[in-house]
Amino acid sequence: MDGHQEQAGPVDQAWARELTEQLRTAIEDVRAAVLVLARRVRAAHQARVWTGLGHPSWSAYALAEFGIGRSTAYRLLDLAAAAEAIEDTVRAELGVSHAWDSTDRVLPVRAVVDIKGRLGELTALIAERLTDAQAEAGTAPDAAVVGEIVAQAIADVRARPDAPAAELAMRNAGSSMNPPQLRTPDLEDRPLASYATEVSGTCGTTF
């Protein structure tokens, strides 16, 4: 284990700190890898790489080339779209992409499912809050603050009804039998970093 033999049970403070820093580095590497994966997925899909390799579709390409099932193949596209939209918004507001990518905390798998089709709503909220934070501080917020803003915006969008409030009000006018329906979580949140693990496990490549 990076020069140390694994040891069960309590360790001294110095070793505990060293192991913690090694774990921190590993987590940061996975976070960065997920964003690299997202960008490459997006580029491959936009280039329609499956046609050049003789596959009939994106899902057939993913299965044949990487052993990835249809649902995972399309979820990777959702991940890529969400990551790209957030990164573009942060760059547009602050001039830099920033390390907002605490991906395991900010974009769990269920979040990507919930915000699919609502990226405009999400990015508008992120932009508004980044602008407010920058005005309040008098300078661009640091990476930790940006990450918190992105995470909270995602949580807030997920908690909102799927339809705008005005539309829901019109839809439910005069009826008490059809209250606004909120999204109900039906899957336990799972870190998007697990995509990297899933993909690496199926195709033998570490991302």
Protein backbone atom coordinates (compact mmCIF):
# COMPACT_ATOMS: atom_id res chain seq x y z
CA MET A 1 0.00 0.00 0.00
CA ASP A 2 2.18 2.79 -1.32
CA GLY A 3 5.23 1.65 0.59
CA HIS A 4 3.35 0.59 3.71
CA GLN A 5 2.09 -2.81 4.71
CA GLU A 6 -1.61 -2.81 5.49
CA GLN A 7 -2.28 -2.89 9.19
CA ALA A 8 -5.52 -3.75 10.93
CA GLY A 9 -6.56 -1.80 13.97
CA PRO A 10 -5.59 1.65 15.28
CA VAL A 11 -2.43 3.33 14.00
CA ASP A 12 -0.45 6.21 15.41
CA GLN A 13 -1.35 9.80 14.48
CA ALA A 14 1.49 10.31 11.99
CA TRP A 15 0.61 7.19 10.04
CA ALA A 16 -3.10 8.00 10.23
CA ARG A 17 -2.38 11.44 8.75
CA GLU A 18 -0.25 9.95 5.97
CA LEU A 19 -2.91 7.40 5.08
CA THR A 20 -5.53 10.16 5.09
CA GLU A 21 -3.47 12.28 2.69
CA GLN A 22 -3.01 9.27 0.40
CA LEU A 23 -6.76 8.71 0.44
CA ARG A 24 -7.39 12.41 -0.25
CA THR A 25 -5.08 12.27 -3.27
CA ALA A 26 -6.79 9.13 -4.57
CA ILE A 27 -10.24 10.72 -4.24
CA GLU A 28 -9.08 13.85 -6.05
CA ASP A 29 -7.66 11.68 -8.83
CA VAL A 30 -11.02 9.93 -9.24
CA ARG A 31 -12.86 13.26 -9.31
CA ALA A 32 -10.58 14.55 -12.05
CA ALA A 33 -10.90 11.27 -13.95
CA VAL A 34 -14.69 11.47 -13.94
CA LEU A 35 -14.62 14.90 -15.58
CA VAL A 36 -12.09 13.69 -18.14
CA LEU A 37 -14.38 10.74 -18.79
CA ALA A 38 -17.35 13.09 -19.21
CA ARG A 39 -15.51 15.24 -21.75
CA ARG A 40 -14.33 12.24 -23.75
CA VAL A 41 -17.78 10.66 -23.76
CA ARG A 42 -19.24 13.91 -25.06
CA ALA A 43 -16.56 14.24 -27.76
CA ALA A 44 -17.00 10.62 -28.87
CA HIS A 45 -20.77 10.94 -29.08
CA GLN A 46 -20.64 14.23 -30.98
CA ALA A 47 -18.20 12.65 -33.44
CA ARG A 48 -20.55 9.66 -33.90
CA VAL A 49 -17.60 7.34 -33.47
CA TRP A 50 -19.82 4.26 -33.70
CA THR A 51 -20.48 4.88 -37.39
CA GLY A 52 -16.78 4.89 -38.22
CA LEU A 53 -16.34 1.57 -36.44
CA GLY A 54 -19.34 -0.08 -38.03
CA HIS A 55 -21.66 -0.15 -35.02
CA PRO A 56 -25.36 0.64 -35.53
CA SER A 57 -25.75 2.88 -32.46
CA TRP A 58 -24.05 4.51 -29.48
CA SER A 59 -25.29 1.78 -27.14
CA ALA A 60 -24.12 -0.99 -29.48
CA TYR A 61 -20.72 0.71 -29.71
CA ALA A 62 -20.42 0.99 -25.91
CA LEU A 63 -21.32 -2.65 -25.45
CA ALA A 64 -19.01 -3.95 -28.17
CA GLU A 65 -16.01 -1.76 -27.37
CA PHE A 66 -16.21 -1.50 -23.57
CA GLY A 67 -18.71 -4.08 -22.35
CA ILE A 68 -20.98 -1.30 -21.06
CA GLY A 69 -24.73 -1.86 -21.06
CA ARG A 70 -27.27 0.43 -22.70
CA SER A 71 -28.42 2.18 -19.50
CA THR A 72 -24.86 2.95 -18.42
CA ALA A 73 -23.94 4.14 -21.92
CA TYR A 74 -26.75 6.68 -21.95
CA ARG A 75 -26.24 7.66 -18.32
CA LEU A 76 -22.67 8.54 -19.24
CA LEU A 77 -24.09 10.94 -21.85
CA ASP A 78 -26.28 12.50 -19.16
CA LEU A 79 -23.21 12.88 -16.96
CA ALA A 80 -21.26 14.47 -19.79
CA ALA A 81 -24.04 16.94 -20.57
CA ALA A 82 -24.49 17.94 -16.93
CA ALA A 83 -20.76 18.34 -16.29
CA GLU A 84 -20.28 20.37 -19.46
CA ALA A 85 -23.23 22.66 -18.71
CA ILE A 86 -22.03 23.36 -15.17
CA GLU A 87 -18.43 23.89 -16.22
CA ASP A 88 -19.48 26.27 -19.03
CA THR A 89 -21.64 28.25 -16.60
CA VAL A 90 -18.87 28.61 -14.02
CA ARG A 91 -16.42 29.67 -16.72
CA ALA A 92 -18.86 32.20 -18.17
CA GLU A 93 -19.54 33.77 -14.77
CA LEU A 94 -16.04 33.68 -13.27
CA GLY A 95 -13.73 33.46 -16.27
CA VAL A 96 -12.32 30.14 -15.07
CA SER A 97 -13.71 26.63 -14.87
CA HIS A 98 -12.71 26.31 -11.21
CA ALA A 99 -12.42 23.05 -9.31
CA TRP A 100 -16.17 22.80 -8.67
CA ASP A 101 -15.90 19.08 -9.34
CA SER A 102 -16.38 17.46 -5.96
CA THR A 103 -18.21 15.05 -8.20
CA ASP A 104 -18.95 12.38 -5.61
CA ARG A 105 -20.69 15.03 -3.49
CA VAL A 106 -22.09 17.39 -6.11
CA LEU A 107 -23.42 15.07 -8.81
CA PRO A 108 -24.66 11.75 -7.45
CA VAL A 109 -26.21 9.46 -10.03
CA ARG A 110 -29.74 10.18 -8.89
CA ALA A 111 -29.10 13.90 -9.29
CA VAL A 112 -28.22 13.40 -12.95
CA VAL A 113 -31.48 11.50 -13.43
CA ASP A 114 -33.48 14.27 -11.76
CA ILE A 115 -31.89 17.23 -13.57
CA LYS A 116 -31.93 15.66 -17.00
CA GLY A 117 -33.95 18.01 -19.18
CA ARG A 118 -33.67 20.78 -16.57
CA LEU A 119 -30.11 21.92 -17.20
CA GLY A 120 -31.27 25.38 -18.31
CA GLU A 121 -33.05 25.84 -15.01
CA LEU A 122 -30.02 24.58 -13.10
CA THR A 123 -27.42 26.67 -14.89
CA ALA A 124 -29.52 29.83 -14.54
CA LEU A 125 -29.67 29.26 -10.80
CA ILE A 126 -25.94 28.56 -10.57
CA ALA A 127 -25.15 31.70 -12.59
CA GLU A 128 -27.37 33.84 -10.36
CA ARG A 129 -25.78 32.54 -7.17
CA LEU A 130 -22.23 32.84 -8.49
CA THR A 131 -22.94 36.46 -9.43
CA ASP A 132 -24.35 37.16 -5.96
CA ALA A 133 -21.41 35.48 -4.23
CA GLN A 134 -18.89 37.43 -6.30
CA ALA A 135 -20.68 40.73 -5.65
CA GLU A 136 -20.86 40.05 -1.92
CA ALA A 137 -17.20 39.04 -1.59
CA GLY A 138 -15.86 41.59 -4.08
CA THR A 139 -13.84 38.84 -5.73
CA ALA A 140 -14.38 35.51 -7.44
CA PRO A 141 -15.34 32.80 -4.93
CA ASP A 142 -12.78 30.07 -4.34
CA ALA A 143 -13.20 26.49 -5.48
CA ALA A 144 -14.79 25.33 -2.22
CA VAL A 145 -17.45 28.04 -2.37
CA VAL A 146 -18.14 27.31 -6.04
CA GLY A 147 -18.58 23.63 -5.21
CA GLU A 148 -21.03 24.48 -2.44
CA ILE A 149 -23.01 26.77 -4.74
CA VAL A 150 -23.23 24.10 -7.43
CA ALA A 151 -24.18 21.40 -4.93
CA GLN A 152 -26.90 23.53 -3.35
CA ALA A 153 -28.30 24.58 -6.72
CA ILE A 154 -28.57 20.94 -7.77
CA ALA A 155 -30.28 20.06 -4.48
CA ASP A 156 -32.72 22.94 -4.86
CA VAL A 157 -33.63 22.08 -8.46
CA ARG A 158 -34.14 18.45 -7.48
CA ALA A 159 -36.52 19.54 -4.73
CA ARG A 160 -38.66 21.67 -7.04
CA PRO A 161 -41.71 20.36 -8.88
CA ASP A 162 -40.93 19.19 -12.40
CA ALA A 163 -43.17 21.87 -13.91
CA PRO A 164 -42.87 25.62 -13.26
CA ALA A 165 -44.99 26.90 -10.36
CA ALA A 166 -47.26 28.96 -12.65
CA GLU A 167 -47.97 25.93 -14.84
CA LEU A 168 -48.72 23.79 -11.81
CA ALA A 169 -51.07 26.44 -10.44
CA MET A 170 -53.02 26.53 -13.71
CA ARG A 171 -53.07 22.76 -13.96
CA ASN A 172 -54.40 22.35 -10.44
CA ALA A 173 -56.82 25.31 -10.44
CA GLY A 174 -60.16 24.28 -9.03
CA SER A 175 -59.01 20.82 -8.07
CA SER A 176 -57.83 19.57 -4.72
CA MET A 177 -57.38 16.06 -6.05
CA ASN A 178 -54.28 16.80 -8.13
CA PRO A 179 -51.61 18.41 -5.94
CA PRO A 180 -48.21 19.25 -7.41
CA GLN A 181 -46.11 16.15 -7.58
CA LEU A 182 -42.54 16.32 -6.41
CA ARG A 183 -39.93 13.92 -7.61
CA THR A 184 -39.75 10.95 -5.28
CA PRO A 185 -36.30 9.40 -4.91
CA ASP A 186 -36.53 5.73 -5.82
CA LEU A 187 -32.83 4.99 -5.90
CA GLU A 188 -30.18 5.51 -3.29
CA ASP A 189 -27.78 8.27 -4.32
CA ARG A 190 -24.60 6.77 -5.67
CA PRO A 191 -21.47 8.78 -6.49
CA LEU A 192 -20.79 9.45 -10.14
CA ALA A 193 -17.25 8.42 -9.35
CA SER A 194 -18.66 4.89 -9.37
CA TYR A 195 -19.08 5.25 -13.14
CA ALA A 196 -15.31 5.27 -13.41
CA THR A 197 -15.19 2.10 -11.33
CA GLU A 198 -17.97 0.47 -13.34
CA VAL A 199 -16.37 1.33 -16.65
CA SER A 200 -12.87 0.31 -15.55
CA GLY A 201 -14.25 -2.96 -14.22
CA THR A 202 -15.94 -3.83 -17.48
CA CYS A 203 -13.23 -2.91 -19.95
CA GLY A 204 -10.06 -3.42 -17.92
CA THR A 205 -8.97 0.21 -18.15
CA THR A 206 -8.42 2.59 -15.27
CA PHE A 207 -9.81 6.05 -16.01
